[in-house]
Amino acid sequence: MTFSIVARSADGVAHGVAVASKFLAAGAAVPAAEAAVGALATQSYANLAYRPQGLALLRTGTAAADVVAGLTAADPERESRQLGVVGRTGDGATYTGSGCHGWAGGRTGDGYAIQGNILTGPEVAAAMETAWLAADPADALAYRLLAALRAGDDAGGDRRGRQSAALYVVAPGQGYGGTSDIVVDLRVDDHPDPCAELARLLDIHTLLFGKPDPATLLPLRDAVADEVRALLTARGHTASDLDAALSDWAGIENLEERLVPGHIDPLVLTHLRTP
């Protein structure tokens, strides 16, 4: 009923899952991940108990293949299940029970596991793997996962149609304000084109919650400071301290994650210039 990719970043810091399905709110059932531990996807008559049990096994350093073997061996309904697991290191592992609706199967490699059922054919998993391997390893994991998901969707995806998609990524201390490990947690629960909608949401998420590139920051002085002060004043944000005025405005606009004292992110400046 679903196609998904479970993977970790090239540097091993982040883990995540991307999933799409002709199923309401697949993101509520399929993905699980824990920072510095690993990630998994349970689907095709999903066994939601796999999520805490699988993460517990990964926490002990159990290899992905052994996690899959352990979870499925203990499950009397395993032939109707599908599972993908990635750990801290090594190859990902995937499992497709003999009772899964066709086409069903998966692909694995170093740091990834791809699986799907009720698909138009094996070309879906193949396209996802090709997109994953072709992506720049330096790119953010969320965008690499999304690229693989969209490739599967473009190749045919779920043969019943489209309904939901989700993206879940974790990394130690890289969540909002540095107070969480959840980097991205986006769901499209019911939409005619969920993968495209997920891509739109990820771009908004990156604007609002992405970290600024130090190489592009503009110092808040001279002409830049004058322009920023004038724009802020026009919006009713005045203070003797320009950083304070900018922070006041940015907090209302949900851009606080892009603030750097004494500087302004060009993306923030563009937003400030927008009427």
Protein backbone atom coordinates (compact mmCIF):
# COMPACT_ATOMS: atom_id res chain seq x y z
CA MET A 1 0.00 0.00 0.00
CA THR A 2 3.06 2.20 0.18
CA PHE A 3 6.52 3.07 -1.09
CA SER A 4 9.26 4.44 1.13
CA ILE A 5 12.95 5.08 1.57
CA VAL A 6 14.79 4.86 4.89
CA ALA A 7 18.29 6.32 4.89
CA ARG A 8 21.07 8.12 6.72
CA SER A 9 23.15 11.09 5.62
CA ALA A 10 26.57 10.59 4.08
CA ASP A 11 28.24 11.79 7.28
CA GLY A 12 26.12 9.43 9.37
CA VAL A 13 24.71 12.25 11.50
CA ALA A 14 21.11 12.32 10.25
CA HIS A 15 18.57 9.53 9.73
CA GLY A 16 15.20 9.77 8.06
CA VAL A 17 12.24 8.32 6.20
CA ALA A 18 10.20 9.49 3.20
CA VAL A 19 6.96 7.72 2.37
CA ALA A 20 4.00 8.04 -0.01
CA SER A 21 0.84 5.98 -0.34
CA LYS A 22 -2.79 5.72 -1.44
CA PHE A 23 -3.59 5.57 2.25
CA LEU A 24 -4.81 8.27 4.61
CA ALA A 25 -1.99 9.85 6.68
CA ALA A 26 0.71 7.28 5.94
CA GLY A 27 3.09 9.48 7.93
CA ALA A 28 1.17 8.64 11.10
CA ALA A 29 1.92 4.94 10.76
CA VAL A 30 4.99 4.22 8.67
CA PRO A 31 8.10 6.13 9.84
CA ALA A 32 10.17 5.99 13.00
CA ALA A 33 13.63 7.39 13.67
CA GLU A 34 15.88 8.28 16.57
CA ALA A 35 18.90 10.57 16.39
CA ALA A 36 22.28 8.78 16.45
CA VAL A 37 20.42 5.45 16.41
CA GLY A 38 18.68 4.78 13.08
CA ALA A 39 15.35 4.75 11.26
CA LEU A 40 12.73 2.35 9.98
CA ALA A 41 9.55 2.11 7.94
CA THR A 42 6.77 -0.39 8.64
CA GLN A 43 4.14 -0.84 5.93
CA SER A 44 1.81 -3.29 4.13
CA TYR A 45 -0.54 -4.03 7.04
CA ALA A 46 1.96 -2.10 9.14
CA ASN A 47 2.89 -3.45 12.55
CA LEU A 48 3.26 -0.26 14.57
CA ALA A 49 4.95 -2.20 17.36
CA TYR A 50 7.93 -2.54 15.02
CA ARG A 51 8.67 1.15 15.58
CA PRO A 52 9.59 1.15 19.30
CA GLN A 53 10.91 -2.40 19.16
CA GLY A 54 13.10 -1.70 16.14
CA LEU A 55 14.53 1.49 17.61
CA ALA A 56 15.26 -0.34 20.86
CA LEU A 57 17.26 -2.95 18.94
CA LEU A 58 19.08 -0.28 16.91
CA ARG A 59 19.93 1.53 20.16
CA THR A 60 21.95 -1.52 21.24
CA GLY A 61 23.97 -1.43 18.03
CA THR A 62 22.16 -4.34 16.39
CA ALA A 63 22.78 -4.39 12.63
CA ALA A 64 19.87 -3.46 10.34
CA ALA A 65 19.58 -6.98 8.89
CA ASP A 66 19.43 -8.48 12.37
CA VAL A 67 16.76 -5.96 13.41
CA VAL A 68 14.65 -7.03 10.45
CA ALA A 69 15.23 -10.71 11.22
CA GLY A 70 14.35 -10.28 14.89
CA LEU A 71 11.19 -8.26 14.35
CA THR A 72 9.77 -10.48 11.63
CA ALA A 73 10.68 -13.77 13.33
CA ALA A 74 8.58 -12.78 16.35
CA ASP A 75 5.58 -11.70 14.24
CA PRO A 76 3.05 -14.41 13.28
CA GLU A 77 1.65 -12.06 10.60
CA ARG A 78 5.07 -11.38 9.06
CA GLU A 79 4.09 -12.61 5.60
CA SER A 80 1.76 -9.62 5.25
CA ARG A 81 4.39 -7.13 6.42
CA GLN A 82 6.99 -4.96 4.76
CA LEU A 83 9.87 -3.37 6.66
CA GLY A 84 12.93 -1.22 5.95
CA VAL A 85 15.67 -0.46 8.47
CA VAL A 86 18.87 1.61 8.53
CA GLY A 87 21.29 1.79 11.45
CA ARG A 88 24.26 3.93 12.42
CA THR A 89 26.56 2.17 9.94
CA GLY A 90 26.47 -0.46 7.21
CA ASP A 91 23.89 -1.50 4.66
CA GLY A 92 20.20 -0.97 5.09
CA ALA A 93 17.89 -3.99 5.21
CA THR A 94 14.44 -4.60 3.75
CA TYR A 95 11.85 -7.34 4.11
CA THR A 96 8.81 -8.17 1.99
CA GLY A 97 6.48 -10.93 3.17
CA SER A 98 5.13 -13.39 0.65
CA GLY A 99 1.59 -12.20 1.31
CA CYS A 100 2.18 -8.57 0.32
CA HIS A 101 0.11 -7.33 -2.61
CA GLY A 102 2.11 -7.05 -5.83
CA TRP A 103 4.15 -5.59 -7.12
CA ALA A 104 6.10 -5.72 -3.89
CA GLY A 105 9.82 -5.72 -3.16
CA GLY A 106 12.78 -3.59 -2.21
CA ARG A 107 16.37 -2.54 -2.75
CA THR A 108 19.19 -1.85 -0.30
CA GLY A 109 22.72 -0.52 -0.15
CA ASP A 110 25.10 1.33 2.12
CA GLY A 111 22.93 3.54 4.31
CA TYR A 112 19.57 3.04 2.60
CA ALA A 113 16.60 0.70 2.26
CA ILE A 114 13.82 1.14 -0.32
CA GLN A 115 10.59 -0.84 -0.26
CA GLY A 116 7.12 -0.74 -1.76
CA ASN A 117 3.96 -2.76 -2.29
CA ILE A 118 0.92 -2.44 -4.56
CA LEU A 119 3.24 -0.62 -6.96
CA THR A 120 2.96 -0.31 -10.72
CA GLY A 121 6.09 -2.46 -10.97
CA PRO A 122 9.74 -2.90 -9.98
CA GLU A 123 10.60 0.26 -11.91
CA VAL A 124 9.34 2.29 -8.94
CA ALA A 125 11.96 0.93 -6.52
CA ALA A 126 14.60 1.09 -9.25
CA ALA A 127 13.87 4.76 -9.96
CA MET A 128 14.03 5.58 -6.26
CA GLU A 129 17.41 3.88 -5.91
CA THR A 130 18.78 5.65 -8.99
CA ALA A 131 17.66 9.03 -7.67
CA TRP A 132 19.09 8.36 -4.22
CA LEU A 133 22.48 7.33 -5.61
CA ALA A 134 22.56 10.23 -8.09
CA ALA A 135 21.92 12.88 -5.44
CA ASP A 136 24.83 14.92 -4.08
CA PRO A 137 25.84 13.33 -0.75
CA ALA A 138 26.48 16.84 0.56
CA ASP A 139 22.83 17.82 0.10
CA ALA A 140 20.53 17.88 3.13
CA LEU A 141 19.11 14.43 3.86
CA ALA A 142 15.54 15.71 3.62
CA TYR A 143 16.05 16.80 0.01
CA ARG A 144 17.77 13.55 -0.95
CA LEU A 145 14.91 11.54 0.54
CA LEU A 146 12.35 13.70 -1.22
CA ALA A 147 14.16 13.32 -4.56
CA ALA A 148 14.01 9.54 -4.25
CA LEU A 149 10.34 9.63 -3.26
CA ARG A 150 9.39 11.86 -6.17
CA ALA A 151 11.33 9.63 -8.57
CA GLY A 152 9.26 6.67 -7.38
CA ASP A 153 6.09 8.67 -7.77
CA ASP A 154 7.06 9.73 -11.29
CA ALA A 155 7.82 6.11 -12.17
CA GLY A 156 4.28 5.04 -11.29
CA GLY A 157 4.21 4.79 -7.52
CA ASP A 158 1.22 3.20 -5.83
CA ARG A 159 -0.87 1.59 -8.59
CA ARG A 160 -4.10 2.61 -6.82
CA GLY A 161 -3.27 6.33 -7.01
CA ARG A 162 -2.10 9.06 -4.64
CA GLN A 163 -3.27 10.29 -1.25
CA SER A 164 -0.58 10.98 1.36
CA ALA A 165 3.14 11.53 1.83
CA ALA A 166 5.47 12.30 4.72
CA LEU A 167 9.05 13.21 5.53
CA TYR A 168 10.73 12.65 8.89
CA VAL A 169 14.41 13.45 9.61
CA VAL A 170 16.33 13.47 12.89
CA ALA A 171 19.84 14.53 13.92
CA PRO A 172 21.33 15.25 17.35
CA GLY A 173 20.46 18.78 18.51
CA GLN A 174 19.54 20.01 15.02
CA GLY A 175 15.85 20.60 15.65
CA TYR A 176 14.10 23.89 16.37
CA GLY A 177 16.20 26.18 18.54
CA GLY A 178 18.69 23.39 19.18
CA THR A 179 16.25 21.96 21.73
CA SER A 180 15.13 18.94 19.70
CA ASP A 181 16.54 16.22 17.46
CA ILE A 182 13.65 16.48 14.98
CA VAL A 183 14.98 18.32 11.93
CA VAL A 184 11.98 17.81 9.63
CA ASP A 185 8.54 16.40 10.44
CA LEU A 186 6.16 17.11 7.55
CA ARG A 187 2.98 15.29 6.58
CA VAL A 188 0.52 15.59 3.73
CA ASP A 189 -2.35 13.44 4.94
CA ASP A 190 -4.90 13.74 2.09
CA HIS A 191 -4.04 15.48 -1.18
CA PRO A 192 -4.39 14.76 -4.93
CA ASP A 193 -0.63 15.27 -5.46
CA PRO A 194 0.97 14.62 -2.07
CA CYS A 195 4.62 14.39 -3.20
CA ALA A 196 4.46 17.78 -4.91
CA GLU A 197 2.73 19.26 -1.87
CA LEU A 198 5.40 17.74 0.38
CA ALA A 199 8.08 19.43 -1.75
CA ARG A 200 6.30 22.78 -1.36
CA LEU A 201 6.14 22.36 2.40
CA LEU A 202 9.81 21.41 2.60
CA ASP A 203 10.81 24.59 0.78
CA ILE A 204 8.77 26.66 3.25
CA HIS A 205 10.28 24.70 6.14
CA THR A 206 13.79 25.39 4.84
CA LEU A 207 13.08 29.13 4.55
CA LEU A 208 11.67 29.38 8.05
CA PHE A 209 13.80 26.89 9.96
CA GLY A 210 16.95 26.40 7.91
CA LYS A 211 20.24 27.67 9.28
CA PRO A 212 21.84 30.61 7.43
CA ASP A 213 24.96 30.06 5.34
CA PRO A 214 27.77 31.97 7.11
CA ALA A 215 29.41 32.68 3.74
CA THR A 216 26.38 34.68 2.52
CA LEU A 217 25.61 36.74 5.63
CA LEU A 218 25.55 40.51 5.16
CA PRO A 219 26.99 42.72 7.93
CA LEU A 220 24.39 45.05 9.44
CA ARG A 221 26.24 48.27 8.73
CA ASP A 222 26.37 51.16 6.27
CA ALA A 223 23.84 50.94 3.42
CA VAL A 224 22.53 47.53 4.47
CA ALA A 225 21.84 48.77 8.00
CA ASP A 226 20.14 51.89 6.66
CA GLU A 227 17.86 49.87 4.39
CA VAL A 228 16.98 47.33 7.09
CA ARG A 229 16.22 50.08 9.61
CA ALA A 230 13.96 51.89 7.13
CA LEU A 231 12.10 48.71 6.20
CA LEU A 232 11.61 47.76 9.83
CA THR A 233 10.42 51.24 10.75
CA ALA A 234 7.86 51.11 7.94
CA ARG A 235 6.53 47.91 9.51
CA GLY A 236 6.35 49.43 12.98
CA HIS A 237 9.48 47.83 14.42
CA THR A 238 11.74 50.52 15.84
CA ALA A 239 14.50 50.26 18.42
CA SER A 240 17.81 51.94 19.11
CA ASP A 241 19.38 48.50 18.71
CA LEU A 242 18.92 47.34 15.12
CA ASP A 243 19.42 43.69 16.09
CA ALA A 244 16.59 44.03 18.62
CA ALA A 245 14.23 45.56 16.05
CA LEU A 246 15.11 42.86 13.52
CA SER A 247 14.59 40.14 16.12
CA ASP A 248 11.18 41.59 17.03
CA TRP A 249 10.05 41.52 13.39
CA ALA A 250 11.63 38.13 12.62
CA GLY A 251 9.88 36.51 15.57
CA ILE A 252 6.50 37.57 14.20
CA GLU A 253 7.45 36.32 10.72
CA ASN A 254 8.73 32.96 12.09
CA LEU A 255 12.25 33.66 10.80
CA GLU A 256 14.00 33.63 14.17
CA GLU A 257 16.08 30.56 13.28
CA ARG A 258 17.85 32.62 10.58
CA LEU A 259 19.01 35.43 12.87
CA VAL A 260 22.71 36.08 13.47
CA PRO A 261 23.64 39.09 15.65
CA GLY A 262 25.26 41.88 13.67
CA HIS A 263 24.29 40.33 10.34
CA ILE A 264 21.30 39.56 8.13
CA ASP A 265 20.67 36.48 6.05
CA PRO A 266 19.98 37.46 2.39
CA LEU A 267 16.83 35.27 2.49
CA VAL A 268 15.61 37.29 5.49
CA LEU A 269 16.40 40.55 3.69
CA THR A 270 14.47 39.39 0.63
CA HIS A 271 11.49 38.58 2.83
CA LEU A 272 11.77 41.94 4.57
CA ARG A 273 11.78 43.70 1.19
CA THR A 274 8.60 41.91 0.12
CA PRO A 275 5.51 44.10 0.59
